[in-house]
């Protein structure tokens, strides 16, 4: 091999068990964490989507009955975090 020093080990010469170092654990966690977060958001939005959409339909029907424009005050019967979670998930 051209360009490598003479004391550079070849692939066959390197021996020893595979070691799990803290750096390796951080690297694997950085690769897996975004997928786990996306899965958690999807599952969470799936669990609360029906409730949010039902509250939206109910608030729209109430607003149409009252013929008023105070729809924000009427649609607060679902927690804000549930609306945000459904709004964040692009599949819902």
Protein backbone atom coordinates (compact mmCIF):
# COMPACT_ATOMS: atom_id res chain seq x y z
CA UNK A 1 0.00 0.00 0.00
CA UNK A 2 1.40 3.30 -1.03
CA UNK A 3 1.27 6.27 1.31
CA UNK A 4 0.81 4.41 4.59
CA UNK A 5 3.61 4.30 7.15
CA UNK A 6 5.23 0.96 7.75
CA UNK A 7 3.99 0.71 11.33
CA UNK A 8 0.33 1.22 10.27
CA UNK A 9 -1.61 -1.94 11.19
CA UNK A 10 -3.37 -3.88 8.46
CA UNK A 11 -6.96 -4.95 8.91
CA UNK A 12 -5.91 -8.51 9.63
CA UNK A 13 -3.46 -7.42 12.33
CA UNK A 14 -6.01 -5.45 14.37
CA UNK A 15 -7.45 -7.78 16.95
CA UNK A 16 -9.43 -7.51 20.12
CA UNK A 17 -13.05 -7.47 21.15
CA UNK A 18 -15.43 -4.75 20.13
CA UNK A 19 -15.63 -2.15 22.88
CA UNK A 20 -18.68 -0.04 23.58
CA UNK A 21 -17.34 3.36 24.52
CA UNK A 22 -19.33 6.37 25.73
CA UNK A 23 -18.71 8.05 22.39
CA UNK A 24 -20.21 5.09 20.54
CA UNK A 25 -23.28 5.14 22.79
CA UNK A 26 -23.77 8.88 22.14
CA UNK A 27 -23.37 8.32 18.40
CA UNK A 28 -25.98 5.56 18.31
CA UNK A 29 -28.33 7.61 20.50
CA UNK A 30 -27.98 10.57 18.12
CA UNK A 31 -28.94 8.31 15.23
CA UNK A 32 -31.92 6.68 16.95
CA UNK A 33 -33.36 9.59 18.96
CA UNK A 34 -35.00 11.50 16.06
CA UNK A 35 -36.85 8.37 14.96
CA UNK A 36 -38.07 7.72 18.51
CA UNK A 37 -39.27 11.31 18.87
CA UNK A 38 -41.12 11.13 15.54
CA UNK A 39 -42.75 7.86 16.59
CA UNK A 40 -43.83 9.33 19.93
CA UNK A 41 -45.35 12.39 18.23
CA UNK A 42 -47.20 10.20 15.72
CA UNK A 43 -48.61 7.86 18.38
CA UNK A 44 -49.55 10.76 20.66
CA UNK A 45 -51.30 12.61 17.86
CA UNK A 46 -53.12 9.43 16.88
CA UNK A 47 -54.44 9.03 20.40
CA UNK A 48 -55.83 12.56 20.71
CA UNK A 49 -56.75 13.41 17.08
CA UNK A 50 -60.35 12.22 17.31
CA UNK A 51 -60.96 14.28 20.43
CA UNK A 52 -59.47 17.41 18.87
CA UNK A 53 -61.41 17.04 15.63
CA UNK A 54 -64.65 16.38 17.52
CA UNK A 55 -64.12 19.52 19.59
CA UNK A 56 -63.45 21.51 16.41
CA UNK A 57 -66.64 20.22 14.82
CA UNK A 58 -68.62 21.00 17.98
CA UNK A 59 -67.21 24.52 18.20
CA UNK A 60 -67.98 25.19 14.53
CA UNK A 61 -71.56 24.03 14.97
CA UNK A 62 -71.96 26.18 18.08
CA UNK A 63 -70.57 29.19 16.26
CA UNK A 64 -72.92 28.61 13.36
CA UNK A 65 -75.86 28.37 15.76
CA UNK A 66 -74.92 31.56 17.57
CA UNK A 67 -73.85 33.33 14.34
CA UNK A 68 -71.09 34.95 16.37
CA UNK A 69 -67.39 35.33 15.84
CA UNK A 70 -66.14 34.23 19.25
CA UNK A 71 -64.93 30.81 18.06
CA UNK A 72 -61.73 30.84 20.12
CA UNK A 73 -63.63 31.07 23.39
CA UNK A 74 -65.93 28.24 22.37
CA UNK A 75 -63.18 25.85 21.24
CA UNK A 76 -61.18 25.73 24.48
CA UNK A 77 -62.76 22.48 25.70
CA UNK A 78 -59.69 20.50 24.52
CA UNK A 79 -56.29 20.97 26.13
CA UNK A 80 -53.89 23.22 24.27
CA UNK A 81 -51.15 20.60 24.19
CA UNK A 82 -53.49 18.19 22.38
CA UNK A 83 -54.23 20.77 19.68
CA UNK A 84 -50.51 21.53 19.37
CA UNK A 85 -49.59 17.86 19.12
CA UNK A 86 -52.11 17.23 16.33
CA UNK A 87 -50.96 20.42 14.61
CA UNK A 88 -47.30 19.41 14.75
CA UNK A 89 -47.80 15.92 13.33
CA UNK A 90 -47.90 16.25 9.53
CA UNK A 91 -49.80 12.97 9.15
CA UNK A 92 -52.76 14.20 11.20
